[in-house]
Amino acid sequence: MSDYPKRIQIIYATVLSLLLLFVFLPITMGWQIIGSVLVVVIAMGILWRMKRYRKILASSTTNIAFLTEKLDLLPAKQRYRLPILLVTGSGAKDFFPDDLSLAQSNILISSEAVWIYVDEYSHLPIVYDSLIAKWPDMLGRVGIFLALTPEIEDKQGIFIAKLQAFRQSWVDTSKIAKYSLPVYLSVHIGFNDLIYDEFESIPVQWFQLKKQKLYLIDRYLSPLNNWVNDIKISPKERERRLSLQAFLNESKDWVEKVVLSTLAAPKQPVAKCIPAAAAIYPVNQEVITNNIIQIQWERLTTMTLPNTRKIQETISPPDDLVKFMPIAYPFSPIISMICGLLVITSLFTMGCLGASFKNNIKLAKQVESDIDFYNSIAMDNYDEKLKALEILKNDRIMLNKYFSQGEPVRLGVGLYHGQQLIEPLNIAISKYVAMPPKVIEPPQVVIPVVIRLDSLALFETGQSNLKPDSTKILINALVEMQKQIKTNQDTGWLILIGGHTDSTGNEDKNIQLSLDRALSVRNWFMKTSDMPETCFAIQGYGSKKPLVDNDTAENRAKNRRVEISLVPQMSNCFLTQEN
């Protein structure tokens, strides 16, 4: 049979297998490569075997050549109507001319069938395949005819082994045909010189074995008893038929016990081969000594029955036995190819559904795992929580993309439900609490400490030298300064001493006077406390910074002062020593 439908199926299956590997199955790239290599190797191996089988068909036996040459001579109507019988077995050649020079030496066309000789059981599958490849219209009209001549077999064990080999070849041929080929059986047995008249021409007739009874294969399929007791025959012919009846019944029992039981034996690990019809042909042929039939007759009669005369050269095939051969209607190669493609597509679809289901389960578990991992992190673990949050956001972006642009093929095939995972992601993301901003405390502003000293208590009017009785006031001021310094001992301090006057008199003289007074106070502090000069700054303001208006004598007295200001300044000295 032509193998192009199988080639198409193999190529189609290979393409779908690769598609399943690289698109749907949740496997890594390494396994994808390994799987694709295996698929391609298997496909190439099958294609190579098919090509090799085609070569065997073309060159294995001579049957292929004569089939192609001779069947072309058949009229088209006969090829479309007549059943085709592949005739094989030890008695098969009895139906065909023995002269190999004849054009039709291996093919015979009768009114009811086309008979094709197959010399070996093992050639049956090859001959059938070649026949259908050449004439596809013969599909369903091919049967097998097994013709046996047990009188050329001397060992019953070998004979049974041959029957088993035929049964296996019939099974192999039926597998190629995709249906059980009908089998017909004929057993050619010589009934010895005692039965036939040497001077009379006795017609040889076929006897059909049906339901454990024998029938004459004639127009009416007469029972054997009716044929023996026919009132129209002569007494001598009745006597011959009575003798033949006994031998036929014994032959029937032997065929049932040995041939049919072997073909249908349940112990053989192949299908039972039950012939559609079986027949016995009583004709003397070439025999060997001590053959299995002769041994059978000696066991029954205790005497040797000679078989020395060959009655006829060839036998006409039993057309009436096969004229009602059932016609099978298997699928044509195209239909078989379509069915095969449908089966492959169905398997591919099931594979896609299974892979898509697995991928969707994997996606759902991944999202669920990400949510569980996010929930397992304490909210105050801000860094890890933020990383887990980014994973959830990426999951949501991916699912939103699938929702808006369509899910990938590996998640599709109607099984994608990823949109149901978006809401749990949104709920988990909404629970996130960001790390509160760090509170930056403003630098502590240290308000300068101001110590005011009355100028009249320190100096004479218009003078810048300290009064002798001013020491107590200055010591109190120094103590207060050191107290403030100890309270804020981490801060560097600048001691600013400023002199102030009222508005009476010349302004320039007032400025100079206020500066001199500040200088006198600084010098006293330096002398008394051993503080370096770098810790001090002096300034004479005159009347520029009055505390109150200079409109009254009382107010002018308030404005005449010396102010000692402790200004925080890291670059200046740290005053830690006491007076």
Protein backbone atom coordinates (compact mmCIF):
# COMPACT_ATOMS: atom_id res chain seq x y z
CA MET A 1 0.00 0.00 0.00
CA SER A 2 1.28 3.47 -0.76
CA ASP A 3 3.00 4.99 2.24
CA TYR A 4 2.49 8.69 1.52
CA PRO A 5 -0.44 8.95 4.04
CA LYS A 6 1.84 7.53 6.73
CA ARG A 7 4.61 9.94 5.78
CA ILE A 8 2.19 12.85 6.11
CA GLN A 9 1.03 11.54 9.50
CA ILE A 10 4.63 11.15 10.72
CA ILE A 11 5.62 14.65 9.60
CA TYR A 12 2.44 16.12 11.10
CA ALA A 13 3.02 14.28 14.39
CA THR A 14 6.64 15.47 14.47
CA VAL A 15 5.66 19.11 13.97
CA LEU A 16 2.98 18.94 16.69
CA SER A 17 5.38 17.17 19.07
CA LEU A 18 7.98 19.93 18.63
CA LEU A 19 5.28 22.56 19.10
CA LEU A 20 4.16 20.84 22.29
CA LEU A 21 7.73 20.69 23.57
CA PHE A 22 8.72 24.28 22.90
CA VAL A 23 5.41 26.10 23.54
CA PHE A 24 3.27 24.22 26.03
CA LEU A 25 5.24 21.83 28.22
CA PRO A 26 6.65 23.47 31.40
CA ILE A 27 10.18 22.11 30.95
CA THR A 28 13.59 23.71 30.76
CA MET A 29 15.47 24.45 27.55
CA GLY A 30 17.77 21.46 28.09
CA TRP A 31 14.86 19.02 28.23
CA GLN A 32 13.29 20.74 25.23
CA ILE A 33 16.44 20.12 23.19
CA ILE A 34 16.69 16.50 24.35
CA GLY A 35 13.01 15.89 23.58
CA SER A 36 13.23 17.48 20.14
CA VAL A 37 16.27 15.36 19.26
CA LEU A 38 14.43 12.19 20.32
CA VAL A 39 11.33 13.16 18.31
CA VAL A 40 13.37 13.87 15.17
CA VAL A 41 15.42 10.67 15.54
CA ILE A 42 12.29 8.53 15.99
CA ALA A 43 10.58 10.17 13.00
CA MET A 44 13.66 9.71 10.80
CA GLY A 45 13.94 6.09 11.92
CA ILE A 46 10.33 5.35 10.98
CA LEU A 47 10.69 7.07 7.61
CA TRP A 48 13.90 5.13 6.96
CA ARG A 49 12.19 1.83 7.76
CA MET A 50 9.33 2.70 5.42
CA LYS A 51 11.77 3.51 2.64
CA ARG A 52 13.63 0.26 3.27
CA TYR A 53 10.35 -1.68 3.20
CA ARG A 54 9.51 -0.13 -0.16
CA LYS A 55 12.83 -1.43 -1.50
CA ILE A 56 12.00 -4.88 -0.17
CA LEU A 57 8.66 -4.73 -1.98
CA ALA A 58 10.41 -3.89 -5.20
CA SER A 59 13.05 -6.62 -5.09
CA SER A 60 12.16 -9.38 -2.62
CA THR A 61 10.23 -11.84 -4.84
CA THR A 62 9.29 -12.42 -8.43
CA ASN A 63 5.63 -12.14 -7.40
CA ILE A 64 5.91 -8.35 -7.42
CA ALA A 65 7.04 -8.37 -11.03
CA PHE A 66 4.35 -10.67 -12.34
CA LEU A 67 1.62 -8.85 -10.43
CA THR A 68 2.52 -5.58 -12.07
CA GLU A 69 2.88 -7.19 -15.47
CA LYS A 70 -0.08 -9.55 -15.57
CA LEU A 71 -2.84 -7.73 -13.69
CA ASP A 72 -2.58 -4.85 -16.12
CA LEU A 73 -4.07 -7.26 -18.66
CA LEU A 74 -7.28 -7.65 -16.64
CA PRO A 75 -10.31 -5.70 -17.82
CA ALA A 76 -11.15 -2.88 -15.46
CA LYS A 77 -14.63 -4.32 -14.74
CA GLN A 78 -13.16 -7.59 -13.56
CA ARG A 79 -10.68 -5.86 -11.32
CA TYR A 80 -13.47 -3.83 -9.75
CA ARG A 81 -15.89 -6.78 -9.36
CA LEU A 82 -14.01 -10.05 -8.84
CA PRO A 83 -12.58 -11.03 -5.46
CA ILE A 84 -8.81 -11.57 -5.34
CA LEU A 85 -7.53 -14.81 -3.82
CA LEU A 86 -3.90 -15.16 -2.81
CA VAL A 87 -3.34 -18.92 -3.15
CA THR A 88 -0.59 -20.43 -1.04
CA GLY A 89 0.33 -23.72 0.59
CA SER A 90 1.69 -27.08 -0.50
CA GLY A 91 -1.25 -27.69 -2.85
CA ALA A 92 -1.45 -24.17 -4.28
CA LYS A 93 0.45 -24.99 -7.46
CA ASP A 94 -2.17 -27.63 -8.34
CA PHE A 95 -4.42 -24.81 -9.58
CA PHE A 96 -1.88 -23.25 -11.93
CA PRO A 97 -0.23 -24.48 -15.13
CA ASP A 98 3.11 -26.13 -14.58
CA ASP A 99 4.68 -24.69 -17.73
CA LEU A 100 6.53 -21.57 -16.55
CA SER A 101 6.88 -20.34 -20.11
CA LEU A 102 3.17 -19.56 -20.21
CA ALA A 103 2.28 -15.90 -19.70
CA GLN A 104 -0.33 -16.72 -17.06
CA SER A 105 1.71 -19.29 -15.11
CA ASN A 106 1.13 -17.61 -11.74
CA ILE A 107 -2.22 -15.98 -12.23
CA LEU A 108 -5.57 -17.51 -13.08
CA ILE A 109 -8.80 -15.73 -13.86
CA SER A 110 -12.00 -17.70 -13.39
CA SER A 111 -15.61 -16.62 -13.64
CA GLU A 112 -15.80 -15.89 -9.91
CA ALA A 113 -12.35 -14.74 -8.80
CA VAL A 114 -8.80 -13.81 -9.66
CA TRP A 115 -6.39 -16.43 -8.32
CA ILE A 116 -2.80 -15.35 -7.65
CA TYR A 117 -0.11 -17.85 -6.69
CA VAL A 118 2.10 -17.02 -3.69
CA ASP A 119 4.88 -19.53 -3.19
CA GLU A 120 5.80 -18.75 0.45
CA TYR A 121 3.65 -17.92 3.45
CA SER A 122 6.05 -15.12 4.41
CA HIS A 123 5.42 -13.42 1.07
CA LEU A 124 1.71 -12.91 1.73
CA PRO A 125 2.08 -9.47 3.44
CA ILE A 126 4.46 -8.21 0.74
CA VAL A 127 2.29 -9.45 -2.14
CA TYR A 128 -0.81 -7.95 -0.56
CA ASP A 129 0.86 -4.61 0.07
CA SER A 130 2.19 -4.45 -3.49
CA LEU A 131 -1.16 -5.45 -4.92
CA ILE A 132 -3.06 -2.70 -3.09
CA ALA A 133 -0.36 -0.13 -3.85
CA LYS A 134 -0.76 -0.88 -7.57
CA TRP A 135 -4.55 -1.22 -7.57
CA PRO A 136 -6.10 0.58 -4.57
CA ASP A 137 -9.57 -0.27 -5.89
CA MET A 138 -8.94 -3.90 -4.81
CA LEU A 139 -8.96 -2.86 -1.16
CA GLY A 140 -11.48 -5.01 0.76
CA ARG A 141 -11.80 -7.65 -1.99
CA VAL A 142 -8.69 -9.68 -1.18
CA GLY A 143 -8.83 -13.08 0.50
CA ILE A 144 -6.38 -15.90 1.17
CA PHE A 145 -6.78 -19.46 -0.10
CA LEU A 146 -4.76 -22.12 1.74
CA ALA A 147 -4.36 -25.29 -0.33
CA LEU A 148 -2.81 -28.28 1.45
CA THR A 149 -1.54 -31.61 0.16
CA PRO A 150 -0.85 -33.63 3.34
CA GLU A 151 0.36 -36.66 1.36
CA ILE A 152 3.66 -34.89 0.66
CA GLU A 153 4.27 -34.40 4.41
CA ASP A 154 6.00 -37.17 6.36
CA LYS A 155 6.11 -35.54 9.80
CA GLN A 156 2.95 -34.22 11.41
CA GLY A 157 4.92 -31.93 13.77
CA ILE A 158 6.52 -30.12 10.84
CA PHE A 159 3.14 -29.94 9.10
CA ILE A 160 1.58 -28.30 12.19
CA ALA A 161 4.52 -25.86 12.37
CA LYS A 162 3.82 -24.85 8.76
CA LEU A 163 0.18 -24.24 9.65
CA GLN A 164 1.26 -22.03 12.53
CA ALA A 165 3.60 -20.11 10.19
CA PHE A 166 0.67 -19.54 7.81
CA ARG A 167 -1.46 -18.32 10.69
CA GLN A 168 1.22 -15.76 11.64
CA SER A 169 1.53 -14.57 8.01
CA TRP A 170 -2.25 -14.20 7.80
CA VAL A 171 -2.19 -12.08 10.97
CA ASP A 172 0.61 -9.89 9.54
CA THR A 173 -1.27 -9.45 6.28
CA SER A 174 -4.48 -8.56 8.10
CA LYS A 175 -2.61 -5.92 10.10
CA ILE A 176 -1.47 -4.30 6.87
CA ALA A 177 -4.98 -4.55 5.42
CA LYS A 178 -6.54 -3.10 8.60
CA TYR A 179 -9.21 -5.82 8.51
CA SER A 180 -9.32 -9.60 8.97
CA LEU A 181 -8.80 -11.15 5.54
CA PRO A 182 -11.17 -14.07 4.81
CA VAL A 183 -9.42 -17.43 4.62
CA TYR A 184 -10.51 -20.43 2.56
CA LEU A 185 -9.09 -23.93 2.99
CA SER A 186 -8.82 -26.86 0.61
CA VAL A 187 -7.25 -30.22 1.47
CA HIS A 188 -6.19 -32.37 -1.49
CA ILE A 189 -6.23 -36.03 -0.48
CA GLY A 190 -5.80 -39.05 -2.76
CA PHE A 191 -8.21 -41.89 -2.01
CA ASN A 192 -6.04 -44.58 -3.65
CA ASP A 193 -6.49 -46.85 -6.62
CA LEU A 194 -9.15 -48.91 -4.85
CA ILE A 195 -11.72 -46.18 -5.29
CA TYR A 196 -11.22 -45.24 -8.92
CA ASP A 197 -11.96 -47.41 -11.94
CA GLU A 198 -8.97 -47.70 -14.21
CA PHE A 199 -11.08 -47.87 -17.37
CA GLU A 200 -13.88 -45.43 -16.47
CA SER A 201 -13.63 -41.67 -16.37
CA ILE A 202 -14.92 -40.75 -12.93
CA PRO A 203 -15.48 -37.00 -12.41
CA VAL A 204 -13.60 -35.61 -9.42
CA GLN A 205 -15.78 -33.42 -7.20
CA TRP A 206 -15.30 -30.96 -4.34
CA PHE A 207 -16.78 -31.60 -0.90
CA GLN A 208 -17.35 -28.72 1.47
CA LEU A 209 -16.90 -29.08 5.21
CA LYS A 210 -19.69 -27.08 6.88
CA LYS A 211 -20.82 -27.31 10.50
CA GLN A 212 -18.93 -30.61 10.95
CA LYS A 213 -20.74 -32.13 7.99
CA LEU A 214 -19.75 -32.70 4.36
CA TYR A 215 -21.65 -31.34 1.39
CA LEU A 216 -21.14 -31.79 -2.29
CA ILE A 217 -20.17 -28.48 -3.87
CA ASP A 218 -22.78 -28.35 -6.58
CA ARG A 219 -25.66 -26.11 -7.48
CA TYR A 220 -27.72 -27.21 -4.48
CA LEU A 221 -24.92 -27.94 -1.96
CA SER A 222 -26.26 -31.48 -1.48
CA PRO A 223 -25.55 -33.34 1.78
CA LEU A 224 -23.11 -36.21 1.47
CA ASN A 225 -25.77 -38.83 2.31
CA ASN A 226 -28.06 -37.55 -0.45
CA TRP A 227 -25.19 -37.73 -2.91
CA VAL A 228 -24.37 -41.31 -1.91
CA ASN A 229 -28.01 -42.51 -2.06
CA ASP A 230 -28.90 -40.85 -5.34
CA ILE A 231 -31.43 -43.15 -7.06
CA LYS A 232 -30.24 -42.14 -10.50
CA ILE A 233 -26.81 -43.70 -10.19
CA SER A 234 -25.81 -47.28 -11.00
CA PRO A 235 -25.15 -49.89 -8.30
CA LYS A 236 -21.44 -49.82 -9.07
CA GLU A 237 -21.33 -46.04 -8.69
CA ARG A 238 -23.29 -46.29 -5.43
CA GLU A 239 -20.75 -48.80 -4.19
CA ARG A 240 -17.90 -46.44 -5.12
CA ARG A 241 -19.63 -43.57 -3.36
CA LEU A 242 -20.21 -45.63 -0.24
CA SER A 243 -16.50 -46.48 -0.12
CA LEU A 244 -15.62 -42.86 -0.75
CA GLN A 245 -18.03 -41.69 1.99
CA ALA A 246 -16.11 -43.61 4.63
CA PHE A 247 -12.82 -42.12 3.54
CA LEU A 248 -14.32 -38.61 3.29
CA ASN A 249 -15.74 -38.79 6.82
CA GLU A 250 -12.39 -39.92 8.20
CA SER A 251 -10.67 -37.15 6.25
CA LYS A 252 -13.18 -34.65 7.64
CA ASP A 253 -12.36 -35.74 11.18
CA TRP A 254 -8.63 -35.46 10.46
CA VAL A 255 -9.02 -31.96 8.97
CA GLU A 256 -10.99 -30.82 12.00
CA LYS A 257 -8.63 -32.41 14.50
CA VAL A 258 -5.32 -31.40 12.92
CA VAL A 259 -5.75 -28.51 10.47
CA LEU A 260 -8.66 -26.47 11.83
CA SER A 261 -7.72 -26.97 15.46
CA THR A 262 -4.16 -25.79 14.74
CA LEU A 263 -5.35 -22.68 12.91
CA ALA A 264 -7.66 -21.78 15.80
CA ALA A 265 -5.56 -23.05 18.71
CA PRO A 266 -5.88 -20.61 21.63
CA LYS A 267 -2.33 -21.29 22.87
CA GLN A 268 -0.71 -19.49 19.94
CA PRO A 269 -0.22 -15.78 20.82
CA VAL A 270 -1.95 -14.49 17.67
CA ALA A 271 -5.52 -14.16 16.52
CA LYS A 272 -7.46 -17.30 15.69
CA CYS A 273 -7.63 -18.13 12.00
CA ILE A 274 -11.06 -19.61 11.30
CA PRO A 275 -11.60 -20.35 7.59
CA ALA A 276 -14.77 -18.98 6.04
CA ALA A 277 -15.13 -22.28 4.17
CA ALA A 278 -13.19 -25.55 3.94
CA ALA A 279 -13.28 -28.21 1.27
CA ILE A 280 -11.83 -31.65 0.58
CA TYR A 281 -10.72 -32.56 -2.92
CA PRO A 282 -10.35 -36.33 -3.49
CA VAL A 283 -7.60 -36.50 -6.09
CA ASN A 284 -4.46 -38.61 -6.30
CA GLN A 285 -1.32 -36.51 -6.57
CA GLU A 286 2.38 -37.08 -6.16
CA VAL A 287 3.05 -38.55 -2.71
CA ILE A 288 5.93 -39.64 -0.51
CA THR A 289 6.29 -42.89 1.41
CA ASN A 290 4.90 -43.05 4.92
CA ASN A 291 3.21 -39.68 4.68
CA ILE A 292 0.88 -38.53 7.42
CA ILE A 293 -2.30 -39.54 5.51
CA GLN A 294 -0.93 -43.00 4.72
CA ILE A 295 -0.12 -43.44 8.40
CA GLN A 296 -3.67 -42.35 9.20
CA TRP A 297 -5.16 -44.96 6.81
CA GLU A 298 -2.93 -47.72 8.20
CA ARG A 299 -3.98 -46.86 11.74
CA LEU A 300 -7.65 -47.15 10.73
CA THR A 301 -7.51 -50.13 8.35
CA THR A 302 -4.32 -51.92 9.51
CA MET A 303 -3.27 -52.26 5.85
CA THR A 304 -1.34 -50.23 3.30
CA LEU A 305 -3.51 -48.52 0.69
CA PRO A 306 -1.54 -47.81 -2.50
CA ASN A 307 -1.79 -44.51 -4.35
CA THR A 308 0.12 -45.04 -7.57
CA ARG A 309 -1.83 -43.17 -10.22
CA LYS A 310 -2.06 -39.40 -10.67
CA ILE A 311 -5.59 -38.68 -11.83
CA GLN A 312 -5.12 -35.19 -13.38
CA GLU A 313 -2.41 -32.60 -13.85
CA THR A 314 -4.23 -29.47 -12.71
CA ILE A 315 -7.32 -28.77 -10.63
CA SER A 316 -9.94 -26.21 -11.43
CA PRO A 317 -10.25 -23.74 -8.54
CA PRO A 318 -13.46 -24.08 -6.50
CA ASP A 319 -15.32 -20.98 -7.68
CA ASP A 320 -18.50 -22.00 -5.87
CA LEU A 321 -16.56 -22.07 -2.58
CA VAL A 322 -15.48 -18.43 -2.83
CA LYS A 323 -18.19 -16.83 -4.95
CA PHE A 324 -19.84 -15.38 -1.86
CA MET A 325 -16.65 -14.14 -0.24
CA PRO A 326 -17.56 -11.20 1.99
CA ILE A 327 -16.41 -7.81 0.80
CA ALA A 328 -14.82 -5.66 3.47
CA TYR A 329 -15.04 -1.91 3.43
CA PRO A 330 -11.94 -0.68 5.22
CA PHE A 331 -11.01 2.93 5.13
CA SER A 332 -9.24 4.12 2.01
CA PRO A 333 -5.68 5.45 2.41
CA ILE A 334 -6.99 9.02 2.32
CA ILE A 335 -9.65 8.31 4.95
CA SER A 336 -7.09 6.41 7.05
CA MET A 337 -4.73 9.37 6.77
CA ILE A 338 -7.48 11.78 7.82
CA CYS A 339 -8.43 9.56 10.75
CA GLY A 340 -4.78 9.29 11.73
CA LEU A 341 -4.37 13.05 11.56
CA LEU A 342 -7.49 13.46 13.68
CA VAL A 343 -6.13 11.03 16.26
CA ILE A 344 -2.76 12.83 16.28
CA THR A 345 -4.53 16.18 16.59
CA SER A 346 -6.63 14.84 19.46
CA LEU A 347 -3.54 13.60 21.27
CA PHE A 348 -1.84 16.94 20.65
CA THR A 349 -4.91 18.78 21.97
CA MET A 350 -4.97 16.62 25.10
CA GLY A 351 -1.26 17.26 25.55
CA CYS A 352 -1.82 21.01 25.15
CA LEU A 353 -4.68 20.95 27.65
CA GLY A 354 -2.61 19.01 30.15
CA ALA A 355 0.41 21.30 29.73
CA SER A 356 -1.77 24.43 29.90
CA PHE A 357 -3.43 23.13 33.07
CA LYS A 358 -0.01 22.46 34.58
CA ASN A 359 1.26 25.92 33.58
CA ASN A 360 -1.80 27.66 35.06
CA ILE A 361 -1.44 25.73 38.31
CA LYS A 362 2.22 26.72 38.39
CA LEU A 363 1.32 30.39 37.80
CA ALA A 364 -1.32 30.37 40.55
CA LYS A 365 1.05 28.69 43.02
CA GLN A 366 3.79 31.20 42.17
CA VAL A 367 1.53 34.19 42.80
CA GLU A 368 0.19 32.58 45.98
CA SER A 369 3.74 31.88 47.13
CA ASP A 370 4.73 35.51 46.48
CA ILE A 371 1.75 36.76 48.51
CA ASP A 372 2.50 34.37 51.39
CA PHE A 373 6.15 35.42 51.40
CA TYR A 374 5.11 39.08 51.46
CA ASN A 375 2.70 38.49 54.35
CA SER A 376 5.32 36.57 56.31
CA ILE A 377 7.64 39.59 56.49
CA ALA A 378 7.13 41.86 59.47
CA MET A 379 5.86 45.30 58.55
CA ASP A 380 8.70 47.03 60.40
CA ASN A 381 11.25 45.13 58.27
CA TYR A 382 11.06 47.86 55.70
CA ASP A 383 13.86 46.78 53.32
CA GLU A 384 12.71 43.15 52.93
CA LYS A 385 9.08 44.24 52.81
CA LEU A 386 9.85 46.65 49.99
CA LYS A 387 11.61 43.93 47.97
CA ALA A 388 8.64 41.57 48.39
CA LEU A 389 6.33 44.43 47.40
CA GLU A 390 8.24 44.90 44.14
CA ILE A 391 7.73 41.20 43.36
CA LEU A 392 3.98 41.56 43.89
CA LYS A 393 3.90 44.65 41.70
CA ASN A 394 5.73 42.76 38.92
CA ASP A 395 3.20 39.92 39.24
CA ARG A 396 0.36 42.41 38.92
CA ILE A 397 1.97 44.07 35.89
CA MET A 398 2.33 40.67 34.24
CA LEU A 399 -1.30 39.69 34.93
CA ASN A 400 -2.59 43.07 33.76
CA LYS A 401 -0.60 42.63 30.55
CA TYR A 402 -2.12 39.19 30.02
CA PHE A 403 -5.57 40.69 30.65
CA SER A 404 -5.15 43.58 28.19
CA GLN A 405 -3.02 41.93 25.48
CA GLY A 406 -4.02 38.29 25.87
CA GLU A 407 -2.36 35.47 27.75
CA PRO A 408 0.51 33.50 26.14
CA VAL A 409 -0.31 30.32 24.24
CA ARG A 410 1.19 28.07 26.93
CA LEU A 411 -1.45 29.38 29.39
CA GLY A 412 -4.33 29.52 26.93
CA VAL A 413 -6.52 26.80 25.42
CA GLY A 414 -9.43 28.07 27.54
CA LEU A 415 -7.85 27.23 30.91
CA TYR A 416 -6.42 30.65 31.84
CA HIS A 417 -7.97 32.27 34.93
CA GLY A 418 -5.15 34.61 35.87
CA GLN A 419 -7.47 37.62 36.16
CA GLN A 420 -8.81 36.07 39.36
CA LEU A 421 -5.35 36.48 40.91
CA ILE A 422 -5.27 40.26 40.42
CA GLU A 423 -7.64 41.03 43.31
CA PRO A 424 -5.63 39.11 45.95
CA LEU A 425 -2.53 40.92 44.71
CA ASN A 426 -4.24 44.30 45.03
CA ILE A 427 -5.38 43.49 48.57
CA ALA A 428 -1.88 42.44 49.62
CA ILE A 429 -0.28 45.51 48.00
CA SER A 430 -2.80 47.86 49.64
CA LYS A 431 -1.70 46.66 53.11
CA TYR A 432 1.82 47.98 52.63
CA VAL A 433 2.88 50.66 55.11
CA ALA A 434 5.85 52.71 53.98
CA MET A 435 8.71 53.47 56.32
CA PRO A 436 7.99 56.76 58.09
CA PRO A 437 10.37 59.58 57.15
CA LYS A 438 13.24 60.17 59.52
CA VAL A 439 12.63 63.13 61.86
CA ILE A 440 15.56 65.50 61.53
CA GLU A 441 15.76 67.51 64.65
CA PRO A 442 16.70 71.10 63.95
CA PRO A 443 19.95 72.19 65.50
CA GLN A 444 19.45 73.45 68.97
CA VAL A 445 19.59 77.17 68.92
CA VAL A 446 21.41 78.39 71.95
CA ILE A 447 20.28 81.88 72.77
CA PRO A 448 23.22 84.01 73.71
CA VAL A 449 23.37 84.73 77.42
CA VAL A 450 23.59 88.45 78.10
CA ILE A 451 24.90 89.82 81.42
CA ARG A 452 24.33 93.55 81.84
CA LEU A 453 26.50 95.61 84.14
CA ASP A 454 25.71 99.19 85.10
CA SER A 455 28.47 101.49 83.94
CA LEU A 456 28.05 103.81 86.95
CA ALA A 457 28.75 100.81 89.21
CA LEU A 458 31.98 100.10 87.38
CA PHE A 459 33.31 103.46 86.25
CA GLU A 460 33.34 107.08 87.21
CA THR A 461 31.46 109.44 84.89
CA GLY A 462 33.41 109.92 81.72
CA GLN A 463 36.15 107.46 82.88
CA SER A 464 37.18 103.97 81.63
CA ASN A 465 39.12 102.74 84.64
CA LEU A 466 37.37 100.32 86.94
CA LYS A 467 36.35 101.51 90.40
CA PRO A 468 37.94 99.72 93.30
CA ASP A 469 34.54 98.63 94.56
CA SER A 470 33.55 97.12 91.17
CA THR A 471 35.31 93.82 91.93
CA LYS A 472 32.25 92.25 93.53
CA ILE A 473 30.08 93.05 90.53
CA LEU A 474 32.67 91.61 88.12
CA ILE A 475 33.12 88.46 90.21
CA ASN A 476 29.35 87.85 90.15
CA ALA A 477 29.42 88.35 86.37
CA LEU A 478 32.31 85.86 86.04
CA VAL A 479 30.48 83.27 88.15
CA GLU A 480 27.37 83.64 86.03
CA MET A 481 29.46 83.22 82.87
CA GLN A 482 31.05 80.02 84.13
CA LYS A 483 27.66 78.67 85.19
CA GLN A 484 26.29 79.11 81.67
CA ILE A 485 29.42 77.60 80.17
CA LYS A 486 29.12 74.46 82.36
CA THR A 487 25.47 74.04 81.40
CA ASN A 488 26.40 73.90 77.68
CA GLN A 489 29.94 72.61 77.96
CA ASP A 490 29.88 70.80 74.56
CA THR A 491 29.52 74.10 72.78
CA GLY A 492 32.33 76.49 72.07
CA TRP A 493 31.73 80.02 73.28
CA LEU A 494 32.72 83.53 72.26
CA ILE A 495 32.58 86.14 75.06
CA LEU A 496 31.49 89.38 73.49
CA ILE A 497 31.91 92.45 75.71
CA GLY A 498 30.15 95.54 74.42
CA GLY A 499 30.19 99.04 75.88
CA HIS A 500 27.19 101.42 75.63
CA THR A 501 26.62 105.11 76.58
CA ASP A 502 23.71 107.49 76.55
CA SER A 503 23.14 110.11 73.87
CA THR A 504 24.61 113.08 75.72
CA GLY A 505 27.93 114.44 74.52
CA ASN A 506 29.93 113.91 71.40
CA GLU A 507 29.08 110.66 69.64
CA ASP A 508 32.65 109.84 68.65
CA LYS A 509 33.83 110.37 72.17
CA ASN A 510 30.98 108.17 73.41
CA ILE A 511 32.02 105.35 71.06
CA GLN A 512 35.62 105.53 72.18
CA LEU A 513 34.58 105.68 75.82
CA SER A 514 32.34 102.60 75.43
CA LEU A 515 35.17 100.69 73.69
CA ASP A 516 37.66 101.57 76.43
CA ARG A 517 35.25 100.44 79.13
CA ALA A 518 34.71 97.10 77.32
CA LEU A 519 38.46 96.69 77.07
CA SER A 520 38.89 97.27 80.78
CA VAL A 521 36.28 94.64 81.64
CA ARG A 522 37.91 92.10 79.26
CA ASN A 523 41.33 92.67 80.73
CA TRP A 524 39.98 92.07 84.22
CA PHE A 525 38.37 88.78 83.14
CA MET A 526 41.57 87.65 81.42
CA LYS A 527 43.62 88.52 84.48
CA THR A 528 41.24 86.97 86.95
CA SER A 529 40.32 83.74 85.08
CA ASP A 530 43.41 83.13 82.99
CA MET A 531 41.24 82.91 79.88
CA PRO A 532 43.09 83.56 76.62
CA GLU A 533 42.47 86.65 74.58
CA THR A 534 41.02 84.52 71.74
CA CYS A 535 37.98 83.80 73.86
CA PHE A 536 37.00 87.45 73.91
CA ALA A 537 35.73 90.06 71.52
CA ILE A 538 35.15 93.72 72.43
CA GLN A 539 32.96 96.33 70.80
CA GLY A 540 32.15 100.00 71.52
CA TYR A 541 28.68 100.97 70.45
CA GLY A 542 28.32 104.39 72.01
CA SER A 543 24.69 105.37 71.97
CA LYS A 544 23.81 103.39 68.88
CA LYS A 545 22.01 100.55 70.69
CA PRO A 546 19.97 102.10 73.47
CA LEU A 547 17.71 99.91 75.52
CA VAL A 548 15.19 102.73 75.96
CA ASP A 549 14.82 106.28 74.75
CA ASN A 550 17.26 108.83 76.16
CA ASP A 551 14.50 111.36 76.93
CA THR A 552 14.76 111.11 80.72
CA ALA A 553 17.59 110.91 83.20
CA GLU A 554 16.33 107.51 84.37
CA ASN A 555 16.34 106.11 80.83
CA ARG A 556 19.77 107.53 80.10
CA ALA A 557 21.06 105.74 83.19
CA LYS A 558 19.69 102.43 81.82
CA ASN A 559 21.44 102.95 78.50
CA ARG A 560 24.85 103.47 80.18
CA ARG A 561 25.94 99.80 80.56
CA VAL A 562 28.44 97.07 79.76
CA GLU A 563 26.91 93.86 78.19
CA ILE A 564 28.69 90.55 78.40
CA SER A 565 27.21 88.16 75.74
CA LEU A 566 28.05 84.43 75.62
CA VAL A 567 27.75 83.55 71.89
CA PRO A 568 27.93 79.77 70.89
CA GLN A 569 30.67 79.33 68.33
CA MET A 570 32.42 75.98 67.68
CA SER A 571 35.57 77.59 66.42
CA ASN A 572 36.23 79.37 69.74
CA CYS A 573 37.57 78.11 72.99
CA PHE A 574 35.84 75.77 75.39
CA LEU A 575 35.65 77.45 78.73
CA THR A 576 35.80 74.84 81.43
CA GLN A 577 38.02 76.33 84.05
CA GLU A 578 36.61 78.08 87.03
CA ASN A 579 37.54 81.47 88.31
